[in-house]
Amino acid sequence: MIYDSWLDKLVICQNYEKDNGIAYHEFWHWLWYKRLSDYERWKYKRIMDRENDCITDYACTSLEESFAENTRFVLNKGKVDTDKKKFIRWLLRKYEVYY
């Protein structure tokens, strides 16, 4: 499964496995590209620069991957209220994304 920002579509492959977290990850890409303002993306970058952590190696490959991976992790497993977690929850309330 991938989010194609050019086509603005989520593309599901034939061998897609449910419940592996990829759907959530790709949905966060859609939110990043289609809903977040430049200011919100900038604010996320500032938080990540300050907290300087990557949930996975893949999250470290780009800011967009960082957002998708961190959002998926924060909502599923994150226990500590960091600035990153607070910001992600604020974004979800703002854009009326219910999880």
Protein backbone atom coordinates (compact mmCIF):
# COMPACT_ATOMS: atom_id res chain seq x y z
CA MET A 1 0.00 0.00 0.00
CA ILE A 2 1.31 3.46 -0.87
CA TYR A 3 0.01 7.01 -0.93
CA ASP A 4 0.64 8.52 -4.37
CA SER A 5 0.71 12.29 -3.85
CA TRP A 6 0.74 12.89 -7.62
CA LEU A 7 -2.51 10.97 -8.13
CA ASP A 8 -3.82 11.80 -4.64
CA LYS A 9 -4.75 8.16 -4.10
CA LEU A 10 -4.01 5.35 -1.70
CA VAL A 11 -2.94 2.39 -3.79
CA ILE A 12 -3.46 -1.06 -2.31
CA CYS A 13 -1.34 -3.90 -3.67
CA GLN A 14 -2.76 -7.36 -4.23
CA ASN A 15 -0.72 -8.89 -1.39
CA TYR A 16 -1.68 -6.22 1.16
CA GLU A 17 -1.79 -7.54 4.72
CA LYS A 18 -4.42 -6.09 7.01
CA ASP A 19 -3.37 -4.92 10.45
CA ASN A 20 0.30 -4.34 9.64
CA GLY A 21 0.08 -0.58 10.18
CA ILE A 22 0.81 0.39 6.59
CA ALA A 23 -2.68 1.79 5.99
CA TYR A 24 -2.25 4.17 8.91
CA HIS A 25 1.23 5.17 7.77
CA GLU A 26 -0.02 5.97 4.27
CA PHE A 27 -3.02 7.85 5.62
CA TRP A 28 -0.65 10.13 7.58
CA HIS A 29 1.14 10.87 4.31
CA TRP A 30 -2.19 12.00 2.86
CA LEU A 31 -2.78 14.24 5.87
CA TRP A 32 0.74 15.67 5.52
CA TYR A 33 0.37 16.53 1.83
CA LYS A 34 -3.31 17.44 1.63
CA ARG A 35 -4.29 18.99 4.93
CA LEU A 36 -1.32 20.37 6.85
CA SER A 37 -0.38 23.95 6.21
CA ASP A 38 3.19 25.02 5.53
CA TYR A 39 3.25 26.44 9.05
CA GLU A 40 2.12 23.12 10.57
CA ARG A 41 4.76 21.20 8.64
CA TRP A 42 7.35 23.77 9.75
CA LYS A 43 6.20 23.42 13.37
CA TYR A 44 6.50 19.64 13.19
CA LYS A 45 10.03 20.01 11.80
CA ARG A 46 10.95 22.30 14.72
CA ILE A 47 9.64 19.77 17.23
CA MET A 48 11.57 16.96 15.56
CA ASP A 49 14.74 19.06 15.45
CA ARG A 50 14.39 19.71 19.18
CA GLU A 51 13.46 16.16 20.21
CA ASN A 52 15.93 14.65 17.74
CA ASP A 53 14.53 11.14 17.74
CA CYS A 54 13.40 8.66 15.13
CA ILE A 55 10.96 5.92 15.95
CA THR A 56 12.38 3.72 13.18
CA ASP A 57 15.32 3.88 10.79
CA TYR A 58 12.82 4.51 8.00
CA ALA A 59 11.47 7.55 9.87
CA CYS A 60 14.92 9.12 9.60
CA THR A 61 14.89 9.06 5.78
CA SER A 62 12.77 12.22 5.36
CA LEU A 63 10.53 14.60 7.25
CA GLU A 64 7.45 13.13 5.56
CA GLU A 65 8.38 9.59 6.58
CA SER A 66 9.15 10.84 10.06
CA PHE A 67 5.65 12.32 10.35
CA ALA A 68 3.94 9.17 9.05
CA GLU A 69 5.95 6.80 11.24
CA ASN A 70 5.84 8.96 14.36
CA THR A 71 2.11 9.61 14.09
CA ARG A 72 1.37 5.91 13.70
CA PHE A 73 3.61 5.11 16.67
CA VAL A 74 2.36 7.92 18.89
CA LEU A 75 -1.26 6.90 18.43
CA ASN A 76 -0.67 3.18 18.83
CA LYS A 77 2.05 2.91 21.47
CA GLY A 78 3.20 6.29 22.70
CA LYS A 79 2.82 6.62 26.43
CA VAL A 80 4.74 9.79 27.29
CA ASP A 81 3.24 13.20 26.57
CA THR A 82 5.97 14.81 24.53
CA ASP A 83 5.60 17.97 22.45
CA LYS A 84 5.47 15.72 19.40
CA LYS A 85 2.57 13.70 20.79
CA LYS A 86 0.67 16.81 21.87
CA PHE A 87 1.14 18.39 18.46
CA ILE A 88 -0.01 15.27 16.60
CA ARG A 89 -3.13 15.00 18.78
CA TRP A 90 -3.86 18.70 18.20
CA LEU A 91 -3.58 18.18 14.41
CA LEU A 92 -5.95 15.24 14.51
CA ARG A 93 -8.54 17.22 16.46
CA LYS A 94 -8.15 20.19 14.11
CA TYR A 95 -8.68 18.04 11.00
CA GLU A 96 -11.35 15.90 12.68
CA VAL A 97 -9.46 12.65 12.29
CA TYR A 98 -10.81 10.09 14.73
CA TYR A 99 -8.77 7.02 15.56
